[in-house]
């Protein structure tokens, strides 16, 4: 049980992800999570009014199963298999977060200031969630996919647009972490 609940070495995780990608390539499938929103919208029949959603969503049922599996797996992992005591965060990061009013994890995987139920009582946090959600949704459509689709699937297929998107994701993440996040908090 300890093997499952503790952090795995990057080589093990990377090998497993590589095997999944080879299997998907063998069967002619392309991995990506953001495309499932299009499938869900197409399932409702909105494709009759919006041409973007007029497509064969049934061909992507396997990808919808991946989303359901990720949600179930995430729930099981957090509630039954997690051991946050082995999560090592740089002390300088903890100090920087404390300056912004975000507490140290103290045995939790996520800080309550950002992911606790109390954020729904703050209009500022609700606004941050809405704006962030819109930006992520727009960005993943504008980039032609989300971070998992480009960084895992696109790069493993040696696609230049995915490399450009991943570089943009990292630059945007650095700008957010070093300049915008301190302004928000």
N, C-alpha and C. Protein backbone atom coordinates (compact mmCIF):
# COMPACT_ATOMS: atom_id res chain seq x y z
N UNK A 1 0.82 -1.19 0.00
CA UNK A 1 0.00 0.00 0.00
C UNK A 1 0.86 1.26 0.00
N UNK A 2 2.00 1.21 0.68
CA UNK A 2 2.86 2.37 0.75
C UNK A 2 3.37 2.77 -0.64
N UNK A 3 3.61 1.79 -1.50
CA UNK A 3 4.06 2.06 -2.86
C UNK A 3 3.02 2.89 -3.63
N UNK A 4 1.76 2.62 -3.41
CA UNK A 4 0.68 3.31 -4.13
C UNK A 4 0.47 4.71 -3.57
N UNK A 5 0.55 4.87 -2.25
CA UNK A 5 0.20 6.15 -1.63
C UNK A 5 1.31 7.18 -1.67
N UNK A 6 2.55 6.77 -1.92
CA UNK A 6 3.64 7.73 -1.95
C UNK A 6 3.94 8.18 -3.38
N UNK A 7 4.66 9.28 -3.48
CA UNK A 7 5.01 9.84 -4.78
C UNK A 7 5.88 8.86 -5.56
N UNK A 8 5.55 8.67 -6.83
CA UNK A 8 6.33 7.78 -7.68
C UNK A 8 7.47 8.55 -8.33
N UNK A 9 8.53 7.84 -8.62
CA UNK A 9 9.66 8.43 -9.32
C UNK A 9 9.20 8.85 -10.72
N UNK A 10 9.73 9.94 -11.22
CA UNK A 10 9.30 10.47 -12.52
C UNK A 10 9.50 9.47 -13.65
N UNK A 11 10.52 8.61 -13.54
CA UNK A 11 10.79 7.65 -14.61
C UNK A 11 9.67 6.60 -14.71
N UNK A 12 9.12 6.21 -13.57
CA UNK A 12 8.02 5.23 -13.58
C UNK A 12 6.78 5.86 -14.20
N UNK A 13 6.43 7.05 -13.73
CA UNK A 13 5.25 7.74 -14.27
C UNK A 13 5.43 8.05 -15.75
N UNK A 14 6.61 8.51 -16.12
CA UNK A 14 6.88 8.83 -17.52
C UNK A 14 6.80 7.60 -18.41
N UNK A 15 7.32 6.48 -17.93
CA UNK A 15 7.24 5.24 -18.69
C UNK A 15 5.79 4.82 -18.89
N UNK A 16 4.98 4.90 -17.83
CA UNK A 16 3.57 4.51 -17.93
C UNK A 16 2.81 5.42 -18.90
N UNK A 17 3.07 6.73 -18.84
CA UNK A 17 2.42 7.66 -19.76
C UNK A 17 2.85 7.35 -21.19
N UNK A 18 4.14 7.05 -21.38
CA UNK A 18 4.64 6.69 -22.71
C UNK A 18 3.97 5.43 -23.26
N UNK A 19 3.75 4.45 -22.39
CA UNK A 19 3.08 3.22 -22.84
C UNK A 19 1.63 3.49 -23.24
N UNK A 20 0.96 4.36 -22.49
CA UNK A 20 -0.42 4.73 -22.84
C UNK A 20 -0.43 5.43 -24.19
N UNK A 21 0.52 6.34 -24.42
CA UNK A 21 0.57 7.06 -25.69
C UNK A 21 0.86 6.12 -26.85
N UNK A 22 1.75 5.18 -26.66
CA UNK A 22 2.03 4.21 -27.73
C UNK A 22 0.79 3.37 -28.04
N UNK A 23 0.06 2.98 -27.00
CA UNK A 23 -1.17 2.20 -27.19
C UNK A 23 -2.21 3.02 -27.95
N UNK A 24 -2.38 4.30 -27.56
CA UNK A 24 -3.34 5.16 -28.27
C UNK A 24 -2.93 5.34 -29.72
N UNK A 25 -1.64 5.57 -29.98
CA UNK A 25 -1.17 5.72 -31.36
C UNK A 25 -1.42 4.45 -32.16
N UNK A 26 -1.20 3.32 -31.54
CA UNK A 26 -1.42 2.04 -32.23
C UNK A 26 -2.87 1.90 -32.69
N UNK A 27 -3.79 2.36 -31.85
CA UNK A 27 -5.21 2.25 -32.19
C UNK A 27 -5.74 3.48 -32.93
N UNK A 28 -4.86 4.42 -33.27
CA UNK A 28 -5.26 5.60 -34.03
C UNK A 28 -6.06 6.62 -33.25
N UNK A 29 -5.84 6.69 -31.94
CA UNK A 29 -6.57 7.63 -31.08
C UNK A 29 -5.66 8.77 -30.67
N UNK A 30 -6.25 9.93 -30.40
CA UNK A 30 -5.51 11.10 -29.95
C UNK A 30 -6.06 11.51 -28.59
N UNK A 31 -5.17 11.62 -27.60
CA UNK A 31 -5.56 11.95 -26.24
C UNK A 31 -5.74 13.45 -26.07
N UNK A 32 -6.73 13.85 -25.32
CA UNK A 32 -6.96 15.24 -24.97
C UNK A 32 -8.21 15.34 -24.12
N UNK A 33 -8.19 16.23 -23.15
CA UNK A 33 -9.32 16.36 -22.24
C UNK A 33 -10.29 17.46 -22.68
N UNK A 34 -9.79 18.56 -23.20
CA UNK A 34 -10.67 19.68 -23.52
C UNK A 34 -11.64 19.36 -24.66
N UNK A 35 -11.29 18.43 -25.51
CA UNK A 35 -12.19 18.07 -26.61
C UNK A 35 -13.45 17.39 -26.10
N UNK A 36 -13.43 16.91 -24.87
CA UNK A 36 -14.61 16.27 -24.31
C UNK A 36 -15.74 17.25 -24.05
N UNK A 37 -15.42 18.51 -23.82
CA UNK A 37 -16.47 19.51 -23.66
C UNK A 37 -17.25 19.64 -24.97
N UNK A 38 -16.53 19.61 -26.08
CA UNK A 38 -17.21 19.65 -27.39
C UNK A 38 -18.11 18.43 -27.55
N UNK A 39 -17.63 17.27 -27.13
CA UNK A 39 -18.44 16.05 -27.22
C UNK A 39 -19.70 16.16 -26.36
N UNK A 40 -19.55 16.67 -25.15
CA UNK A 40 -20.70 16.81 -24.26
C UNK A 40 -21.73 17.77 -24.84
N UNK A 41 -21.26 18.86 -25.42
CA UNK A 41 -22.18 19.82 -26.04
C UNK A 41 -22.86 19.19 -27.26
N UNK A 42 -22.11 18.43 -28.05
CA UNK A 42 -22.69 17.78 -29.23
C UNK A 42 -23.75 16.76 -28.83
N UNK A 43 -23.58 16.13 -27.68
CA UNK A 43 -24.55 15.14 -27.19
C UNK A 43 -25.92 15.77 -26.94
N UNK A 44 -25.93 17.05 -26.60
CA UNK A 44 -27.20 17.72 -26.28
C UNK A 44 -28.01 18.06 -27.54
N UNK A 45 -27.38 17.98 -28.71
CA UNK A 45 -28.06 18.31 -29.95
C UNK A 45 -27.92 19.75 -30.35
N UNK A 46 -27.08 20.49 -29.65
CA UNK A 46 -26.89 21.91 -29.96
C UNK A 46 -26.24 22.10 -31.33
N UNK A 47 -25.69 21.02 -31.90
CA UNK A 47 -25.07 21.08 -33.22
C UNK A 47 -26.04 21.50 -34.31
N UNK A 48 -27.34 21.37 -34.05
CA UNK A 48 -28.34 21.81 -35.03
C UNK A 48 -28.38 23.33 -35.15
N UNK A 49 -27.92 24.01 -34.09
CA UNK A 49 -27.93 25.48 -34.11
C UNK A 49 -26.53 26.07 -34.21
N UNK A 50 -25.53 25.35 -33.70
CA UNK A 50 -24.16 25.84 -33.72
C UNK A 50 -23.31 24.82 -34.50
N UNK A 51 -22.84 25.19 -35.69
CA UNK A 51 -22.11 24.24 -36.55
C UNK A 51 -20.87 23.63 -35.89
N UNK A 52 -20.21 24.36 -35.00
CA UNK A 52 -19.01 23.84 -34.35
C UNK A 52 -19.30 22.54 -33.60
N UNK A 53 -20.50 22.40 -33.06
CA UNK A 53 -20.86 21.21 -32.29
C UNK A 53 -21.56 20.15 -33.13
N UNK A 54 -21.64 20.36 -34.43
CA UNK A 54 -22.28 19.38 -35.30
C UNK A 54 -21.24 18.39 -35.80
N UNK A 55 -21.00 17.36 -35.01
CA UNK A 55 -20.03 16.35 -35.40
C UNK A 55 -20.37 15.03 -34.71
N UNK A 56 -19.69 13.97 -35.10
CA UNK A 56 -19.98 12.63 -34.60
C UNK A 56 -19.32 12.43 -33.24
N UNK A 57 -20.02 12.78 -32.18
CA UNK A 57 -19.49 12.65 -30.83
C UNK A 57 -19.36 11.19 -30.41
N UNK A 58 -20.11 10.30 -31.05
CA UNK A 58 -20.04 8.88 -30.68
C UNK A 58 -18.67 8.27 -30.97
N UNK A 59 -17.95 8.88 -31.91
CA UNK A 59 -16.60 8.38 -32.20
C UNK A 59 -15.64 8.69 -31.06
N UNK A 60 -16.03 9.56 -30.14
CA UNK A 60 -15.18 9.96 -29.02
C UNK A 60 -15.66 9.39 -27.69
N UNK A 61 -16.51 8.37 -27.73
CA UNK A 61 -17.01 7.78 -26.47
C UNK A 61 -15.87 7.28 -25.61
N UNK A 62 -14.83 6.75 -26.22
CA UNK A 62 -13.69 6.25 -25.45
C UNK A 62 -13.05 7.38 -24.65
N UNK A 63 -12.98 8.59 -25.23
CA UNK A 63 -12.37 9.72 -24.56
C UNK A 63 -13.25 10.21 -23.41
N UNK A 64 -14.57 10.10 -23.58
CA UNK A 64 -15.47 10.43 -22.48
C UNK A 64 -15.28 9.45 -21.32
N UNK A 65 -15.01 8.19 -21.65
CA UNK A 65 -14.73 7.20 -20.61
C UNK A 65 -13.44 7.55 -19.86
N UNK A 66 -12.47 8.13 -20.56
CA UNK A 66 -11.23 8.57 -19.91
C UNK A 66 -11.54 9.65 -18.88
N UNK A 67 -12.42 10.59 -19.23
CA UNK A 67 -12.78 11.66 -18.29
C UNK A 67 -13.47 11.09 -17.06
N UNK A 68 -14.42 10.20 -17.27
CA UNK A 68 -15.12 9.58 -16.14
C UNK A 68 -14.12 8.81 -15.28
N UNK A 69 -13.22 8.08 -15.92
CA UNK A 69 -12.20 7.35 -15.17
C UNK A 69 -11.27 8.27 -14.40
N UNK A 70 -10.92 9.41 -14.99
CA UNK A 70 -10.06 10.38 -14.30
C UNK A 70 -10.76 10.96 -13.07
N UNK A 71 -12.06 11.23 -13.20
CA UNK A 71 -12.80 11.76 -12.05
C UNK A 71 -12.92 10.71 -10.94
N UNK A 72 -13.26 9.49 -11.30
CA UNK A 72 -13.37 8.42 -10.30
C UNK A 72 -12.00 8.14 -9.69
N UNK A 73 -10.98 8.05 -10.54
CA UNK A 73 -9.63 7.80 -10.04
C UNK A 73 -9.13 8.91 -9.13
N UNK A 74 -9.43 10.16 -9.48
CA UNK A 74 -9.04 11.28 -8.64
C UNK A 74 -9.71 11.23 -7.28
N UNK A 75 -11.00 10.89 -7.28
CA UNK A 75 -11.74 10.78 -6.02
C UNK A 75 -11.14 9.67 -5.14
N UNK A 76 -10.90 8.52 -5.74
CA UNK A 76 -10.33 7.39 -4.98
C UNK A 76 -8.94 7.76 -4.47
N UNK A 77 -8.13 8.38 -5.31
CA UNK A 77 -6.77 8.73 -4.92
C UNK A 77 -6.75 9.72 -3.76
N UNK A 78 -7.58 10.75 -3.82
CA UNK A 78 -7.58 11.77 -2.77
C UNK A 78 -8.18 11.25 -1.47
N UNK A 79 -9.26 10.48 -1.57
CA UNK A 79 -9.96 10.05 -0.36
C UNK A 79 -9.45 8.75 0.25
N UNK A 80 -8.77 7.91 -0.52
CA UNK A 80 -8.37 6.62 0.01
C UNK A 80 -6.88 6.30 -0.14
N UNK A 81 -6.19 6.94 -1.07
CA UNK A 81 -4.81 6.57 -1.34
C UNK A 81 -3.80 7.70 -1.15
N UNK A 82 -4.22 8.84 -0.63
CA UNK A 82 -3.29 9.96 -0.55
C UNK A 82 -2.58 10.01 0.80
N UNK A 83 -1.34 10.42 0.73
CA UNK A 83 -0.53 10.64 1.92
C UNK A 83 0.26 11.92 1.67
N UNK A 84 -0.29 13.02 2.10
CA UNK A 84 0.32 14.31 1.81
C UNK A 84 1.58 14.57 2.62
N UNK A 85 1.89 13.68 3.56
CA UNK A 85 3.07 13.90 4.39
C UNK A 85 4.36 13.83 3.58
N UNK A 86 4.32 13.20 2.43
CA UNK A 86 5.54 13.09 1.63
C UNK A 86 5.63 14.14 0.54
N UNK A 87 4.72 15.12 0.53
CA UNK A 87 4.77 16.19 -0.45
C UNK A 87 5.77 17.23 0.06
N UNK A 88 6.85 17.40 -0.67
CA UNK A 88 7.90 18.33 -0.26
C UNK A 88 7.77 19.63 -1.05
N UNK A 89 7.57 20.71 -0.32
CA UNK A 89 7.47 22.03 -0.95
C UNK A 89 8.66 22.85 -0.48
N UNK A 90 9.27 23.55 -1.40
CA UNK A 90 10.41 24.38 -1.08
C UNK A 90 10.03 25.40 0.00
N UNK A 91 10.85 25.53 1.05
CA UNK A 91 10.55 26.49 2.12
C UNK A 91 10.38 27.94 1.63
N UNK A 92 11.12 28.31 0.58
CA UNK A 92 10.98 29.66 0.03
C UNK A 92 9.59 29.85 -0.58
N UNK A 93 9.06 28.80 -1.22
CA UNK A 93 7.71 28.86 -1.78
C UNK A 93 6.69 29.04 -0.67
N UNK A 94 6.86 28.31 0.42
CA UNK A 94 5.93 28.43 1.56
C UNK A 94 5.97 29.86 2.12
N UNK A 95 7.17 30.45 2.20
CA UNK A 95 7.30 31.84 2.68
C UNK A 95 6.60 32.81 1.73
N UNK A 96 6.79 32.62 0.41
CA UNK A 96 6.16 33.51 -0.56
C UNK A 96 4.63 33.40 -0.51
N UNK A 97 4.14 32.18 -0.35
CA UNK A 97 2.69 32.00 -0.25
C UNK A 97 2.15 32.61 1.04
N UNK A 98 2.90 32.53 2.13
CA UNK A 98 2.47 33.12 3.40
C UNK A 98 2.33 34.64 3.28
N UNK A 99 3.22 35.26 2.51
CA UNK A 99 3.13 36.71 2.29
C UNK A 99 1.82 37.06 1.59
N UNK A 100 1.33 36.16 0.71
CA UNK A 100 0.08 36.38 0.00
C UNK A 100 -1.14 35.92 0.79
N UNK A 101 -0.92 35.42 2.01
CA UNK A 101 -2.04 34.98 2.83
C UNK A 101 -2.48 33.55 2.56
N UNK A 102 -1.63 32.77 1.92
CA UNK A 102 -1.95 31.38 1.64
C UNK A 102 -1.12 30.52 2.58
N UNK A 103 -1.82 29.72 3.40
CA UNK A 103 -1.14 28.95 4.44
C UNK A 103 -0.35 27.78 3.87
N UNK A 104 0.57 27.28 4.68
CA UNK A 104 1.35 26.10 4.30
C UNK A 104 0.43 24.88 4.25
N UNK A 105 0.77 23.89 3.45
CA UNK A 105 -0.11 22.73 3.30
C UNK A 105 -0.39 21.97 4.58
N UNK A 106 0.61 21.80 5.46
CA UNK A 106 0.43 21.10 6.73
C UNK A 106 -0.32 19.78 6.57
N UNK A 107 0.18 18.91 5.72
CA UNK A 107 -0.41 17.60 5.55
C UNK A 107 -1.56 17.56 4.55
N UNK A 108 -1.85 18.68 3.90
CA UNK A 108 -2.90 18.70 2.88
C UNK A 108 -2.22 18.85 1.51
N UNK A 109 -2.91 18.39 0.48
CA UNK A 109 -2.37 18.53 -0.86
C UNK A 109 -2.66 19.91 -1.44
N UNK A 110 -3.74 20.54 -1.02
CA UNK A 110 -4.16 21.83 -1.57
C UNK A 110 -4.44 22.82 -0.45
N UNK A 111 -4.03 24.07 -0.61
CA UNK A 111 -4.30 25.06 0.44
C UNK A 111 -5.78 25.45 0.47
N UNK A 112 -6.31 25.56 1.67
CA UNK A 112 -7.73 25.91 1.83
C UNK A 112 -8.05 27.30 1.31
N UNK A 113 -7.07 28.21 1.33
CA UNK A 113 -7.31 29.57 0.85
C UNK A 113 -7.68 29.59 -0.63
N UNK A 114 -7.24 28.57 -1.37
CA UNK A 114 -7.54 28.50 -2.80
C UNK A 114 -8.55 27.43 -3.15
N UNK A 115 -8.63 26.36 -2.36
CA UNK A 115 -9.45 25.22 -2.75
C UNK A 115 -10.44 24.78 -1.68
N UNK A 116 -10.57 25.52 -0.60
CA UNK A 116 -11.53 25.17 0.45
C UNK A 116 -12.93 25.63 0.10
N UNK A 117 -13.91 25.11 0.81
CA UNK A 117 -15.30 25.49 0.54
C UNK A 117 -15.59 26.94 0.93
N UNK A 118 -14.73 27.53 1.75
CA UNK A 118 -14.93 28.92 2.16
C UNK A 118 -14.72 29.93 1.03
N UNK A 119 -14.12 29.52 -0.08
CA UNK A 119 -13.90 30.45 -1.18
C UNK A 119 -15.22 30.89 -1.82
N UNK A 120 -16.28 30.08 -1.66
CA UNK A 120 -17.57 30.43 -2.24
C UNK A 120 -18.29 31.51 -1.43
N UNK A 121 -17.71 31.92 -0.31
CA UNK A 121 -18.28 32.99 0.49
C UNK A 121 -17.65 34.34 0.16
N UNK A 122 -16.63 34.30 -0.66
CA UNK A 122 -15.91 35.52 -1.02
C UNK A 122 -16.22 35.92 -2.46
N UNK A 123 -16.83 37.09 -2.66
CA UNK A 123 -17.09 37.53 -4.04
C UNK A 123 -15.82 37.64 -4.88
N UNK A 124 -14.71 38.03 -4.25
CA UNK A 124 -13.44 38.15 -4.96
C UNK A 124 -13.01 36.78 -5.49
N UNK A 125 -13.10 35.75 -4.66
CA UNK A 125 -12.68 34.40 -5.09
C UNK A 125 -13.62 33.84 -6.16
N UNK A 126 -14.92 34.12 -6.04
CA UNK A 126 -15.87 33.66 -7.05
C UNK A 126 -15.55 34.33 -8.39
N UNK A 127 -15.24 35.61 -8.36
CA UNK A 127 -14.87 36.33 -9.58
C UNK A 127 -13.58 35.76 -10.18
N UNK A 128 -12.61 35.44 -9.34
CA UNK A 128 -11.36 34.84 -9.81
C UNK A 128 -11.64 33.49 -10.48
N UNK A 129 -12.52 32.68 -9.88
CA UNK A 129 -12.87 31.38 -10.46
C UNK A 129 -13.55 31.54 -11.81
N UNK A 130 -14.47 32.49 -11.92
CA UNK A 130 -15.19 32.70 -13.18
C UNK A 130 -14.24 33.20 -14.27
N UNK A 131 -13.44 34.20 -13.95
CA UNK A 131 -12.50 34.75 -14.94
C UNK A 131 -11.48 33.68 -15.34
N UNK A 132 -10.96 32.96 -14.36
CA UNK A 132 -10.00 31.90 -14.65
C UNK A 132 -10.59 30.81 -15.52
N UNK A 133 -11.84 30.42 -15.23
CA UNK A 133 -12.50 29.39 -16.03
C UNK A 133 -12.71 29.83 -17.47
N UNK A 134 -13.13 31.09 -17.66
CA UNK A 134 -13.33 31.61 -19.01
C UNK A 134 -11.99 31.67 -19.76
N UNK A 135 -10.95 32.13 -19.08
CA UNK A 135 -9.63 32.22 -19.73
C UNK A 135 -9.09 30.83 -20.10
N UNK A 136 -9.28 29.87 -19.22
CA UNK A 136 -8.82 28.51 -19.53
C UNK A 136 -9.62 27.93 -20.69
N UNK A 137 -10.93 28.11 -20.67
CA UNK A 137 -11.77 27.61 -21.76
C UNK A 137 -11.41 28.26 -23.08
N UNK A 138 -11.28 29.58 -23.08
CA UNK A 138 -10.90 30.29 -24.31
C UNK A 138 -9.51 29.88 -24.76
N UNK A 139 -8.58 29.82 -23.82
CA UNK A 139 -7.20 29.49 -24.17
C UNK A 139 -7.05 28.10 -24.75
N UNK A 140 -7.77 27.14 -24.19
CA UNK A 140 -7.64 25.78 -24.72
C UNK A 140 -8.27 25.67 -26.10
N UNK A 141 -9.33 26.41 -26.37
CA UNK A 141 -9.91 26.39 -27.72
C UNK A 141 -9.00 27.14 -28.69
N UNK A 142 -8.45 28.29 -28.26
CA UNK A 142 -7.59 29.09 -29.13
C UNK A 142 -6.31 28.33 -29.47
N UNK A 143 -5.78 27.57 -28.50
CA UNK A 143 -4.55 26.81 -28.71
C UNK A 143 -4.81 25.47 -29.40
N UNK A 144 -6.08 25.15 -29.62
CA UNK A 144 -6.40 23.88 -30.27
C UNK A 144 -6.27 22.69 -29.35
N UNK A 145 -6.33 22.91 -28.06
CA UNK A 145 -6.24 21.82 -27.09
C UNK A 145 -5.72 22.32 -25.76
N UNK A 146 -5.82 21.46 -24.77
CA UNK A 146 -5.41 21.83 -23.42
C UNK A 146 -3.96 21.39 -23.18
N UNK A 147 -3.49 21.64 -21.97
CA UNK A 147 -2.11 21.31 -21.64
C UNK A 147 -1.84 19.81 -21.76
N UNK A 148 -2.78 18.99 -21.32
CA UNK A 148 -2.54 17.54 -21.41
C UNK A 148 -2.53 17.08 -22.86
N UNK A 149 -3.40 17.64 -23.68
CA UNK A 149 -3.44 17.24 -25.08
C UNK A 149 -2.17 17.62 -25.82
N UNK A 150 -1.70 18.85 -25.61
CA UNK A 150 -0.50 19.31 -26.30
C UNK A 150 0.77 18.71 -25.70
N UNK A 151 0.90 18.79 -24.36
CA UNK A 151 2.15 18.38 -23.72
C UNK A 151 2.36 16.88 -23.75
N UNK A 152 1.30 16.11 -23.63
CA UNK A 152 1.46 14.66 -23.62
C UNK A 152 1.28 14.09 -25.03
N UNK A 153 0.15 14.35 -25.63
CA UNK A 153 -0.16 13.74 -26.92
C UNK A 153 0.58 14.43 -28.07
N UNK A 154 0.48 15.74 -28.13
CA UNK A 154 1.09 16.47 -29.24
C UNK A 154 2.60 16.34 -29.29
N UNK A 155 3.26 16.48 -28.14
CA UNK A 155 4.71 16.36 -28.13
C UNK A 155 5.17 14.93 -28.42
N UNK A 156 4.40 13.95 -27.95
CA UNK A 156 4.80 12.57 -28.24
C UNK A 156 4.65 12.23 -29.72
N UNK A 157 3.80 13.00 -30.42
CA UNK A 157 3.64 12.83 -31.87
C UNK A 157 4.52 13.81 -32.65
N UNK A 158 5.40 14.53 -31.95
CA UNK A 158 6.36 15.47 -32.54
C UNK A 158 5.68 16.55 -33.37
N UNK A 159 4.59 17.11 -32.85
CA UNK A 159 3.87 18.16 -33.56
C UNK A 159 4.41 19.53 -33.16
N UNK A 160 4.84 20.30 -34.14
CA UNK A 160 5.39 21.63 -33.89
C UNK A 160 4.37 22.57 -33.23
N UNK A 161 3.09 22.59 -33.65
CA UNK A 161 2.13 23.45 -32.97
C UNK A 161 2.00 23.13 -31.47
N UNK A 162 2.15 21.86 -31.11
CA UNK A 162 2.08 21.49 -29.70
C UNK A 162 3.29 22.01 -28.94
N UNK A 163 4.46 21.97 -29.57
CA UNK A 163 5.65 22.52 -28.93
C UNK A 163 5.47 24.02 -28.67
N UNK A 164 4.94 24.74 -29.67
CA UNK A 164 4.68 26.17 -29.50
C UNK A 164 3.66 26.42 -28.39
N UNK A 165 2.61 25.60 -28.34
CA UNK A 165 1.59 25.76 -27.31
C UNK A 165 2.17 25.50 -25.92
N UNK A 166 2.99 24.45 -25.78
CA UNK A 166 3.57 24.12 -24.48
C UNK A 166 4.52 25.23 -24.02
N UNK A 167 5.30 25.78 -24.94
CA UNK A 167 6.17 26.90 -24.58
C UNK A 167 5.32 28.08 -24.10
N UNK A 168 4.21 28.34 -24.79
CA UNK A 168 3.29 29.39 -24.36
C UNK A 168 2.68 29.11 -23.00
N UNK A 169 2.32 27.85 -22.73
CA UNK A 169 1.77 27.48 -21.43
C UNK A 169 2.77 27.78 -20.31
N UNK A 170 4.03 27.42 -20.54
CA UNK A 170 5.04 27.64 -19.52
C UNK A 170 5.30 29.13 -19.30
N UNK A 171 5.39 29.88 -20.38
CA UNK A 171 5.61 31.33 -20.25
C UNK A 171 4.43 31.96 -19.51
N UNK A 172 3.21 31.58 -19.89
CA UNK A 172 2.02 32.09 -19.20
C UNK A 172 1.99 31.71 -17.74
N UNK A 173 2.39 30.48 -17.42
CA UNK A 173 2.44 30.04 -16.03
C UNK A 173 3.46 30.81 -15.21
N UNK A 174 4.62 31.07 -15.81
CA UNK A 174 5.64 31.86 -15.11
C UNK A 174 5.17 33.29 -14.87
N UNK A 175 4.56 33.89 -15.88
CA UNK A 175 4.04 35.26 -15.72
C UNK A 175 2.97 35.28 -14.62
N UNK A 176 2.08 34.29 -14.64
CA UNK A 176 1.03 34.23 -13.63
C UNK A 176 1.62 34.07 -12.24
N UNK A 177 2.55 33.13 -12.06
CA UNK A 177 3.09 32.83 -10.74
C UNK A 177 3.92 33.98 -10.18
N UNK A 178 4.67 34.66 -11.04
CA UNK A 178 5.59 35.68 -10.53
C UNK A 178 5.03 37.10 -10.54
N UNK A 179 4.06 37.39 -11.39
CA UNK A 179 3.60 38.77 -11.50
C UNK A 179 2.11 38.96 -11.16
N UNK A 180 1.25 38.10 -11.71
CA UNK A 180 -0.19 38.31 -11.55
C UNK A 180 -0.71 37.77 -10.22
N UNK A 181 -0.29 36.56 -9.83
CA UNK A 181 -0.76 35.97 -8.56
C UNK A 181 -0.46 36.86 -7.35
N UNK A 182 0.74 37.44 -7.25
CA UNK A 182 0.98 38.33 -6.10
C UNK A 182 0.06 39.57 -6.11
N UNK A 183 -0.35 40.03 -7.29
CA UNK A 183 -1.27 41.17 -7.35
C UNK A 183 -2.66 40.80 -6.89
N UNK A 184 -3.08 39.56 -7.20
CA UNK A 184 -4.43 39.11 -6.84
C UNK A 184 -4.54 38.91 -5.34
N UNK A 185 -3.50 38.36 -4.73
CA UNK A 185 -3.56 38.09 -3.30
C UNK A 185 -2.74 39.09 -2.53
